[in-house]
Amino acid sequence: MIKPKAIDHIVLRTEHYQALIDFYCEVIGCVVERRLPEEVGLTQLRAGSSLIDIVDVINGELGKAGGPAPQSTGNNVDHFCLQIEPFDESELTSYLRSKGVEVGGFQERYGAQGMARSLYLKDISGNNIELRAAI
């Protein structure tokens, strides 16, 4: 019997490879865990107990094999949710705006740990992210 426990990793394909890596490291707080050779085009970022894999669809073998990059009208993923350490809503909103990120308003939403406050934002490739306080 399969009993899922947590998200292991997600894979985001992009035409903005380094810029997307920078966004997740500098704005979201991930750290680079592993880089495969440039011709492969894969960088793995640590996000708590999970990974976010960034795949280069322009120059990387892995990305080219998957076809064209997702577009704003045809993303591969609706959104993914990152649980983050508890936060002050106004401080988090101010921080994200200071980084040039447009954010939605906080709402009470249901997730893997029940109801909690969260907000939505987009990364620089148009992927939707939900940031949610870990309970």
Protein backbone atom coordinates (compact mmCIF):
# COMPACT_ATOMS: atom_id res chain seq x y z
CA MET A 1 0.00 0.00 0.00
CA ILE A 2 1.33 3.46 -0.92
CA LYS A 3 1.00 6.18 1.76
CA PRO A 4 2.40 9.55 0.63
CA LYS A 5 4.02 11.64 3.39
CA ALA A 6 5.39 14.80 1.77
CA ILE A 7 6.40 16.37 -1.52
CA ASP A 8 9.91 15.19 -2.43
CA HIS A 9 10.58 17.59 -5.28
CA ILE A 10 9.03 19.54 -8.12
CA VAL A 11 10.59 20.26 -11.50
CA LEU A 12 10.19 23.65 -13.18
CA ARG A 13 11.12 24.03 -16.83
CA THR A 14 12.16 27.54 -17.90
CA GLU A 15 13.75 29.71 -20.57
CA HIS A 16 15.11 31.94 -17.77
CA TYR A 17 17.38 29.38 -16.13
CA GLN A 18 19.79 31.43 -14.01
CA ALA A 19 17.25 34.16 -13.30
CA LEU A 20 14.79 31.58 -11.95
CA ILE A 21 17.53 30.03 -9.78
CA ASP A 22 18.33 33.52 -8.47
CA PHE A 23 14.64 34.17 -7.73
CA TYR A 24 14.24 31.02 -5.66
CA CYS A 25 17.52 31.62 -3.80
CA GLU A 26 17.38 35.38 -3.28
CA VAL A 27 13.63 35.89 -2.81
CA ILE A 28 12.26 32.58 -1.53
CA GLY A 29 15.34 31.56 0.50
CA CYS A 30 16.28 28.27 -1.17
CA VAL A 31 19.92 27.24 -1.51
CA VAL A 32 21.67 25.48 -4.37
CA GLU A 33 22.21 21.86 -3.38
CA ARG A 34 23.50 20.38 -6.63
CA ARG A 35 24.32 21.49 -10.17
CA LEU A 36 24.66 19.04 -13.01
CA PRO A 37 26.95 19.95 -15.93
CA GLU A 38 25.80 22.93 -18.01
CA GLU A 39 24.99 20.74 -21.02
CA VAL A 40 22.48 18.79 -18.88
CA GLY A 41 20.86 22.01 -17.61
CA LEU A 42 19.63 21.01 -14.14
CA THR A 43 20.11 22.77 -10.81
CA GLN A 44 18.56 21.39 -7.64
CA LEU A 45 17.56 23.82 -4.90
CA ARG A 46 16.94 22.85 -1.28
CA ALA A 47 13.56 24.00 0.05
CA GLY A 48 13.42 22.62 3.60
CA SER A 49 12.98 18.86 3.31
CA SER A 50 12.10 19.11 -0.40
CA LEU A 51 13.85 20.05 -3.63
CA ILE A 52 12.92 22.39 -6.45
CA ASP A 53 14.63 21.34 -9.68
CA ILE A 54 15.18 24.07 -12.27
CA VAL A 55 15.58 22.79 -15.84
CA ASP A 56 17.01 24.89 -18.70
CA VAL A 57 14.83 24.38 -21.81
CA ILE A 58 17.08 26.50 -24.06
CA ASN A 59 20.57 25.04 -23.54
CA GLY A 60 20.11 21.88 -21.50
CA GLU A 61 19.72 18.36 -22.88
CA LEU A 62 17.14 17.54 -20.22
CA GLY A 63 15.03 20.60 -20.97
CA LYS A 64 15.19 20.24 -24.74
CA ALA A 65 13.94 16.65 -24.43
CA GLY A 66 10.74 17.96 -22.81
CA GLY A 67 9.72 20.21 -25.69
CA PRO A 68 9.13 23.96 -25.66
CA ALA A 69 9.05 25.99 -22.45
CA PRO A 70 5.74 26.51 -20.68
CA GLN A 71 3.99 29.74 -21.63
CA SER A 72 1.79 32.04 -19.54
CA THR A 73 -1.27 30.52 -21.18
CA GLY A 74 -0.13 26.91 -20.86
CA ASN A 75 1.92 26.28 -17.71
CA ASN A 76 2.80 22.69 -16.84
CA VAL A 77 1.81 23.26 -13.19
CA ASP A 78 -1.17 25.17 -11.74
CA HIS A 79 0.71 25.98 -8.52
CA PHE A 80 2.76 24.42 -5.79
CA CYS A 81 2.66 25.21 -2.10
CA LEU A 82 5.74 25.80 0.03
CA GLN A 83 5.34 25.54 3.78
CA ILE A 84 7.50 28.22 5.36
CA GLU A 85 8.37 29.18 8.93
CA PRO A 86 5.69 31.21 10.74
CA PHE A 87 5.68 34.83 9.60
CA ASP A 88 4.14 38.23 10.12
CA GLU A 89 1.82 38.80 7.15
CA SER A 90 2.63 42.49 6.67
CA GLU A 91 6.38 41.88 6.95
CA LEU A 92 6.26 39.05 4.40
CA THR A 93 4.16 41.14 2.02
CA SER A 94 6.54 44.11 2.37
CA TYR A 95 9.57 41.89 1.84
CA LEU A 96 8.17 40.33 -1.34
CA ARG A 97 7.12 43.72 -2.73
CA SER A 98 10.61 45.08 -1.99
CA LYS A 99 11.90 42.32 -4.31
CA GLY A 100 9.50 43.43 -7.06
CA VAL A 101 7.10 40.52 -6.54
CA GLU A 102 3.37 41.06 -6.96
CA VAL A 103 1.46 39.26 -4.23
CA GLY A 104 -2.17 38.43 -3.64
CA GLY A 105 -3.90 38.88 -0.32
CA PHE A 106 -3.72 36.43 2.54
CA GLN A 107 -6.59 34.01 2.91
CA GLU A 108 -7.43 31.02 5.04
CA ARG A 109 -6.96 27.95 2.83
CA TYR A 110 -7.00 24.22 3.31
CA GLY A 111 -3.79 22.23 2.81
CA ALA A 112 -2.00 19.09 3.95
CA GLN A 113 -1.97 20.24 7.59
CA GLY A 114 -5.50 21.69 7.64
CA MET A 115 -6.52 25.33 7.47
CA ALA A 116 -3.84 28.04 7.50
CA ARG A 117 -3.20 31.52 6.15
CA SER A 118 -1.41 31.72 2.81
CA LEU A 119 -0.81 33.96 -0.17
CA TYR A 120 -0.11 33.47 -3.85
CA LEU A 121 2.63 34.96 -5.99
CA LYS A 122 4.30 34.22 -9.33
CA ASP A 123 7.94 33.48 -9.96
CA ILE A 124 9.71 35.13 -12.88
CA SER A 125 8.66 32.34 -15.26
CA GLY A 126 4.97 32.71 -14.42
CA ASN A 127 4.70 29.68 -12.11
CA ASN A 128 2.16 30.16 -9.32
CA ILE A 129 3.47 29.65 -5.78
CA GLU A 130 1.46 29.46 -2.57
CA LEU A 131 3.40 30.39 0.58
CA ARG A 132 1.84 28.89 3.69
CA ALA A 133 2.82 28.98 7.33
CA ALA A 134 3.93 25.59 8.62
CA ILE A 135 1.75 24.49 11.51
